[in-house]
Amino acid sequence: MNRPLASSFAPGPLILGVMILVAALTRVVPHPWNFSPVEAVALFGGAYFASRSLAIIIPLAAMLLSDVLLAVINGGAYWDYFAGASFWLVYSCIALSTVLAFGMRGKVNGARVLGFSLAGSVLFFLITNFATWLGGSMYPQNAAGLMAAYAAGIPFFKGTLFGTLFYSALLFGGFALLRQKVPALRAQTV
C-alpha cells in the first residue's frame, strides 16, 4: 500500500539545510574579523545529516553561496579568492571538519559540541596557517618561519574560535529545542 506523499515527507534534511544556509548567510552582514559560522555549519551537518554525502555537500554549498554573495557585495579582490589555493584549502577544511563531526553522531551533548568546536577551530587554524607558511613567501621556510606564521594567525584564531563556539551553540541548541517540539526530528540523524 502506498502512503500519501505528505505522510512520507521527512522534514529533517530540509530543516537542517535551512539552518545551515541561514547561518552561512550571516557572513554577509558586518561581524568581527573571522567571527563566522564556517566550522559550526560543518560540525552541525556532520553530526545530524543521516546521509554522509548531504552532510558534506550542504555546508559546502551554503558556504559557496555566501562566498558568491560576498564577492558580489565586495567586488574585485574577493572574486580572485575563487581562483586561489586558499579557496580550495578552506573548503577542504570544511569537508574535513564535517567528517570529524561524524564522531558525534548519536552522541551529541554540550560537552561534545564544545570539544568538537574546539577541535574544529584548532584544525582550521593549524591547516590554514601551515598552508600560508608553506605556499607563500611571507615567512622563511624553516621552523622559525612556521612559528611566525602561527603567531601571526593568533588574532584570526580568536575570531574563528569564538565564532565557532557561538554558532555551534546557536545551531546545536536551536536544533535541540526544535527536536523537543517536532517529533519527526527526534531521530539521532535526519
C-alpha atoms as a PDB file:
ATOM      1  CA  MET A   1       0.000   0.000   0.000  1.00  0.00           C
ATOM      2  CA  ASN A   2       1.339   3.409  -0.945  1.00  0.00           C
ATOM      3  CA  ARG A   3       1.433   6.077   1.709  1.00  0.00           C
ATOM      4  CA  PRO A   4       0.376   9.588   0.758  1.00  0.00           C
ATOM      5  CA  LEU A   5       3.297  11.855  -0.085  1.00  0.00           C
ATOM      6  CA  ALA A   6       2.540  14.175   2.827  1.00  0.00           C
ATOM      7  CA  SER A   7       2.901  11.377   5.381  1.00  0.00           C
ATOM      8  CA  SER A   8       6.210  10.152   3.931  1.00  0.00           C
ATOM      9  CA  PHE A   9       7.854  13.595   3.824  1.00  0.00           C
ATOM     10  CA  ALA A  10      10.745  13.820   6.272  1.00  0.00           C
ATOM     11  CA  PRO A  11      11.318  17.460   7.254  1.00  0.00           C
ATOM     12  CA  GLY A  12      14.679  16.841   8.932  1.00  0.00           C
ATOM     13  CA  PRO A  13      17.053  17.322   5.985  1.00  0.00           C
ATOM     14  CA  LEU A  14      15.190  20.435   4.851  1.00  0.00           C
ATOM     15  CA  ILE A  15      15.271  21.965   8.338  1.00  0.00           C
ATOM     16  CA  LEU A  16      18.981  21.171   8.734  1.00  0.00           C
ATOM     17  CA  GLY A  17      19.695  22.659   5.316  1.00  0.00           C
ATOM     18  CA  VAL A  18      17.775  25.854   6.057  1.00  0.00           C
ATOM     19  CA  MET A  19      19.507  26.267   9.415  1.00  0.00           C
ATOM     20  CA  ILE A  20      22.926  25.819   7.783  1.00  0.00           C
ATOM     21  CA  LEU A  21      22.073  28.213   4.960  1.00  0.00           C
ATOM     22  CA  VAL A  22      20.811  30.920   7.325  1.00  0.00           C
ATOM     23  CA  ALA A  23      23.939  30.577   9.458  1.00  0.00           C
ATOM     24  CA  ALA A  24      26.197  30.750   6.381  1.00  0.00           C
ATOM     25  CA  LEU A  25      24.411  33.858   5.128  1.00  0.00           C
ATOM     26  CA  THR A  26      25.268  35.704   8.347  1.00  0.00           C
ATOM     27  CA  ARG A  27      28.734  36.066   6.811  1.00  0.00           C
ATOM     28  CA  VAL A  28      27.403  38.842   4.563  1.00  0.00           C
ATOM     29  CA  VAL A  29      26.407  41.088   7.477  1.00  0.00           C
ATOM     30  CA  PRO A  30      29.061  43.056   9.364  1.00  0.00           C
ATOM     31  CA  HIS A  31      30.768  40.976  12.025  1.00  0.00           C
ATOM     32  CA  PRO A  32      34.058  40.878  13.938  1.00  0.00           C
ATOM     33  CA  TRP A  33      37.049  39.597  11.952  1.00  0.00           C
ATOM     34  CA  ASN A  34      36.798  35.804  11.372  1.00  0.00           C
ATOM     35  CA  PHE A  35      33.744  35.568  13.655  1.00  0.00           C
ATOM     36  CA  SER A  36      31.839  33.292  11.322  1.00  0.00           C
ATOM     37  CA  PRO A  37      29.844  30.055  11.203  1.00  0.00           C
ATOM     38  CA  VAL A  38      32.291  28.217   8.897  1.00  0.00           C
ATOM     39  CA  GLU A  39      33.311  25.459  11.311  1.00  0.00           C
ATOM     40  CA  ALA A  40      29.966  25.338  13.104  1.00  0.00           C
ATOM     41  CA  VAL A  41      27.958  24.565   9.954  1.00  0.00           C
ATOM     42  CA  ALA A  42      30.397  21.789   9.080  1.00  0.00           C
ATOM     43  CA  LEU A  43      30.140  20.239  12.545  1.00  0.00           C
ATOM     44  CA  PHE A  44      26.355  20.610  12.646  1.00  0.00           C
ATOM     45  CA  GLY A  45      25.902  18.982   9.245  1.00  0.00           C
ATOM     46  CA  GLY A  46      28.257  16.144  10.107  1.00  0.00           C
ATOM     47  CA  ALA A  47      26.535  15.441  13.392  1.00  0.00           C
ATOM     48  CA  TYR A  48      22.932  15.388  12.148  1.00  0.00           C
ATOM     49  CA  PHE A  49      22.550  14.570   8.450  1.00  0.00           C
ATOM     50  CA  ALA A  50      21.818  10.844   8.100  1.00  0.00           C
ATOM     51  CA  SER A  51      23.286  10.998   4.590  1.00  0.00           C
ATOM     52  CA  ARG A  52      27.038  11.472   4.780  1.00  0.00           C
ATOM     53  CA  SER A  53      27.076  12.961   1.295  1.00  0.00           C
ATOM     54  CA  LEU A  54      24.441  15.561   2.253  1.00  0.00           C
ATOM     55  CA  ALA A  55      26.396  16.238   5.458  1.00  0.00           C
ATOM     56  CA  ILE A  56      29.353  17.329   3.320  1.00  0.00           C
ATOM     57  CA  ILE A  57      27.540  18.865   0.326  1.00  0.00           C
ATOM     58  CA  ILE A  58      25.039  21.094   2.181  1.00  0.00           C
ATOM     59  CA  PRO A  59      27.581  23.019   4.315  1.00  0.00           C
ATOM     60  CA  LEU A  60      29.896  23.397   1.298  1.00  0.00           C
ATOM     61  CA  ALA A  61      27.033  24.651  -0.890  1.00  0.00           C
ATOM     62  CA  ALA A  62      25.852  27.097   1.787  1.00  0.00           C
ATOM     63  CA  MET A  63      29.372  28.449   2.225  1.00  0.00           C
ATOM     64  CA  LEU A  64      29.779  28.746  -1.552  1.00  0.00           C
ATOM     65  CA  LEU A  65      26.545  30.731  -1.801  1.00  0.00           C
ATOM     66  CA  SER A  66      27.699  33.060   0.979  1.00  0.00           C
ATOM     67  CA  ASP A  67      31.097  33.456  -0.731  1.00  0.00           C
ATOM     68  CA  VAL A  68      29.418  34.346  -4.025  1.00  0.00           C
ATOM     69  CA  LEU A  69      27.246  36.917  -2.239  1.00  0.00           C
ATOM     70  CA  LEU A  70      30.342  38.354  -0.548  1.00  0.00           C
ATOM     71  CA  ALA A  71      32.039  38.611  -3.943  1.00  0.00           C
ATOM     72  CA  VAL A  72      29.005  40.380  -5.417  1.00  0.00           C
ATOM     73  CA  ILE A  73      28.900  42.789  -2.482  1.00  0.00           C
ATOM     74  CA  ASN A  74      32.653  43.383  -2.195  1.00  0.00           C
ATOM     75  CA  GLY A  75      33.619  43.053  -5.840  1.00  0.00           C
ATOM     76  CA  GLY A  76      37.079  42.807  -7.376  1.00  0.00           C
ATOM     77  CA  ALA A  77      39.542  41.260  -4.976  1.00  0.00           C
ATOM     78  CA  TYR A  78      37.013  38.877  -3.472  1.00  0.00           C
ATOM     79  CA  TRP A  79      36.377  37.291  -6.868  1.00  0.00           C
ATOM     80  CA  ASP A  80      40.098  36.443  -7.009  1.00  0.00           C
ATOM     81  CA  TYR A  81      39.624  34.273  -3.914  1.00  0.00           C
ATOM     82  CA  PHE A  82      37.775  31.685  -6.027  1.00  0.00           C
ATOM     83  CA  ALA A  83      40.813  31.183  -8.265  1.00  0.00           C
ATOM     84  CA  GLY A  84      43.319  30.808  -5.443  1.00  0.00           C
ATOM     85  CA  ALA A  85      44.583  27.855  -3.464  1.00  0.00           C
ATOM     86  CA  SER A  86      43.126  29.413  -0.312  1.00  0.00           C
ATOM     87  CA  PHE A  87      39.594  28.750  -1.579  1.00  0.00           C
ATOM     88  CA  TRP A  88      40.276  25.020  -2.016  1.00  0.00           C
ATOM     89  CA  LEU A  89      42.085  24.824   1.293  1.00  0.00           C
ATOM     90  CA  VAL A  90      39.239  26.432   3.255  1.00  0.00           C
ATOM     91  CA  TYR A  91      36.657  24.220   1.574  1.00  0.00           C
ATOM     92  CA  SER A  92      38.811  21.150   2.279  1.00  0.00           C
ATOM     93  CA  CYS A  93      38.884  22.188   5.951  1.00  0.00           C
ATOM     94  CA  ILE A  94      35.086  22.469   5.946  1.00  0.00           C
ATOM     95  CA  ALA A  95      34.755  18.960   4.478  1.00  0.00           C
ATOM     96  CA  LEU A  96      37.336  17.601   6.931  1.00  0.00           C
ATOM     97  CA  SER A  97      35.502  19.145   9.892  1.00  0.00           C
ATOM     98  CA  THR A  98      32.258  17.616   8.652  1.00  0.00           C
ATOM     99  CA  VAL A  99      33.886  14.188   8.559  1.00  0.00           C
ATOM    100  CA  LEU A 100      35.325  14.841  12.034  1.00  0.00           C
ATOM    101  CA  ALA A 101      31.774  15.539  13.268  1.00  0.00           C
ATOM    102  CA  PHE A 102      30.634  12.084  12.152  1.00  0.00           C
ATOM    103  CA  GLY A 103      32.135  11.105  15.508  1.00  0.00           C
ATOM    104  CA  MET A 104      29.321  12.994  17.247  1.00  0.00           C
ATOM    105  CA  ARG A 105      26.512  11.106  15.527  1.00  0.00           C
ATOM    106  CA  GLY A 106      24.105   9.746  18.092  1.00  0.00           C
ATOM    107  CA  LYS A 107      26.208  11.217  20.901  1.00  0.00           C
ATOM    108  CA  VAL A 108      25.513  14.965  20.687  1.00  0.00           C
ATOM    109  CA  ASN A 109      25.647  16.761  24.017  1.00  0.00           C
ATOM    110  CA  GLY A 110      27.014  20.059  25.264  1.00  0.00           C
ATOM    111  CA  ALA A 111      30.441  18.707  26.187  1.00  0.00           C
ATOM    112  CA  ARG A 112      30.911  17.018  22.814  1.00  0.00           C
ATOM    113  CA  VAL A 113      29.752  20.104  20.910  1.00  0.00           C
ATOM    114  CA  LEU A 114      32.253  22.171  22.893  1.00  0.00           C
ATOM    115  CA  GLY A 115      35.054  19.647  22.323  1.00  0.00           C
ATOM    116  CA  PHE A 116      34.396  19.252  18.612  1.00  0.00           C
ATOM    117  CA  SER A 117      34.065  23.039  18.213  1.00  0.00           C
ATOM    118  CA  LEU A 118      37.469  23.499  19.835  1.00  0.00           C
ATOM    119  CA  ALA A 119      38.979  20.686  17.757  1.00  0.00           C
ATOM    120  CA  GLY A 120      37.495  22.019  14.504  1.00  0.00           C
ATOM    121  CA  SER A 121      38.741  25.536  15.208  1.00  0.00           C
ATOM    122  CA  VAL A 122      42.247  24.317  16.047  1.00  0.00           C
ATOM    123  CA  LEU A 123      42.297  22.080  12.965  1.00  0.00           C
ATOM    124  CA  PHE A 124      41.269  25.000  10.747  1.00  0.00           C
ATOM    125  CA  PHE A 125      43.922  27.228  12.348  1.00  0.00           C
ATOM    126  CA  LEU A 126      46.707  24.673  12.005  1.00  0.00           C
ATOM    127  CA  ILE A 127      45.944  23.746   8.400  1.00  0.00           C
ATOM    128  CA  THR A 128      45.334  27.240   7.018  1.00  0.00           C
ATOM    129  CA  ASN A 129      48.345  28.797   8.730  1.00  0.00           C
ATOM    130  CA  PHE A 130      50.588  25.893   7.723  1.00  0.00           C
ATOM    131  CA  ALA A 131      49.471  26.373   4.121  1.00  0.00           C
ATOM    132  CA  THR A 132      50.135  30.122   4.345  1.00  0.00           C
ATOM    133  CA  TRP A 133      53.661  29.352   5.525  1.00  0.00           C
ATOM    134  CA  LEU A 134      54.269  26.560   3.014  1.00  0.00           C
ATOM    135  CA  GLY A 135      52.773  28.201  -0.061  1.00  0.00           C
ATOM    136  CA  GLY A 136      53.835  31.800   0.415  1.00  0.00           C
ATOM    137  CA  SER A 137      56.920  33.921   0.576  1.00  0.00           C
ATOM    138  CA  MET A 138      55.804  35.875   3.626  1.00  0.00           C
ATOM    139  CA  TYR A 139      57.681  33.614   6.076  1.00  0.00           C
ATOM    140  CA  PRO A 140      61.039  31.815   5.815  1.00  0.00           C
ATOM    141  CA  GLN A 141      60.704  28.118   5.006  1.00  0.00           C
ATOM    142  CA  ASN A 142      62.070  26.907   8.326  1.00  0.00           C
ATOM    143  CA  ALA A 143      60.770  26.162  11.836  1.00  0.00           C
ATOM    144  CA  ALA A 144      61.077  29.807  12.896  1.00  0.00           C
ATOM    145  CA  GLY A 145      59.071  30.869   9.854  1.00  0.00           C
ATOM    146  CA  LEU A 146      56.355  28.327  10.625  1.00  0.00           C
ATOM    147  CA  MET A 147      56.136  29.527  14.219  1.00  0.00           C
ATOM    148  CA  ALA A 148      55.954  33.140  12.961  1.00  0.00           C
ATOM    149  CA  ALA A 149      53.076  32.150  10.661  1.00  0.00           C
ATOM    150  CA  TYR A 150      51.221  30.565  13.559  1.00  0.00           C
ATOM    151  CA  ALA A 151      51.913  33.540  15.829  1.00  0.00           C
ATOM    152  CA  ALA A 152      50.592  35.937  13.168  1.00  0.00           C
ATOM    153  CA  GLY A 153      47.428  33.842  12.905  1.00  0.00           C
ATOM    154  CA  ILE A 154      46.531  34.032  16.598  1.00  0.00           C
ATOM    155  CA  PRO A 155      44.363  37.198  16.276  1.00  0.00           C
ATOM    156  CA  PHE A 156      42.400  35.466  13.497  1.00  0.00           C
ATOM    157  CA  PHE A 157      42.115  32.285  15.576  1.00  0.00           C
ATOM    158  CA  LYS A 158      40.321  34.148  18.357  1.00  0.00           C
ATOM    159  CA  GLY A 159      37.584  35.190  15.929  1.00  0.00           C
ATOM    160  CA  THR A 160      37.368  31.696  14.459  1.00  0.00           C
ATOM    161  CA  LEU A 161      37.138  30.097  17.894  1.00  0.00           C
ATOM    162  CA  PHE A 162      34.543  32.499  19.289  1.00  0.00           C
ATOM    163  CA  GLY A 163      32.531  32.380  16.050  1.00  0.00           C
ATOM    164  CA  THR A 164      32.573  28.586  16.045  1.00  0.00           C
ATOM    165  CA  LEU A 165      31.506  28.422  19.690  1.00  0.00           C
ATOM    166  CA  PHE A 166      28.732  30.996  19.190  1.00  0.00           C
ATOM    167  CA  TYR A 167      27.301  29.450  16.018  1.00  0.00           C
ATOM    168  CA  SER A 168      27.652  25.900  17.367  1.00  0.00           C
ATOM    169  CA  ALA A 169      25.652  26.907  20.435  1.00  0.00           C
ATOM    170  CA  LEU A 170      23.064  28.552  18.187  1.00  0.00           C
ATOM    171  CA  LEU A 171      22.761  25.664  15.713  1.00  0.00           C
ATOM    172  CA  PHE A 172      23.002  22.722  18.100  1.00  0.00           C
ATOM    173  CA  GLY A 173      20.959  24.465  20.810  1.00  0.00           C
ATOM    174  CA  GLY A 174      18.321  25.656  18.357  1.00  0.00           C
ATOM    175  CA  PHE A 175      18.006  22.193  16.859  1.00  0.00           C
ATOM    176  CA  ALA A 176      17.703  20.637  20.331  1.00  0.00           C
ATOM    177  CA  LEU A 177      14.775  22.966  21.017  1.00  0.00           C
ATOM    178  CA  LEU A 178      13.179  22.108  17.659  1.00  0.00           C
ATOM    179  CA  ARG A 179      13.578  18.392  18.361  1.00  0.00           C
ATOM    180  CA  GLN A 180      11.534  18.814  21.546  1.00  0.00           C
ATOM    181  CA  LYS A 181       8.672  20.356  19.555  1.00  0.00           C
ATOM    182  CA  VAL A 182       8.804  18.304  16.341  1.00  0.00           C
ATOM    183  CA  PRO A 183       8.675  14.517  16.825  1.00  0.00           C
ATOM    184  CA  ALA A 184       9.946  13.842  13.274  1.00  0.00           C
ATOM    185  CA  LEU A 185      13.287  15.401  14.266  1.00  0.00           C
ATOM    186  CA  ARG A 186      13.908  13.198  17.291  1.00  0.00           C
ATOM    187  CA  ALA A 187      15.940  10.564  15.450  1.00  0.00           C
ATOM    188  CA  GLN A 188      19.695  10.693  16.112  1.00  0.00           C
ATOM    189  CA  THR A 189      20.296  11.757  12.498  1.00  0.00           C
ATOM    190  CA  VAL A 190      17.766  13.058   9.997  1.00  0.00           C
END
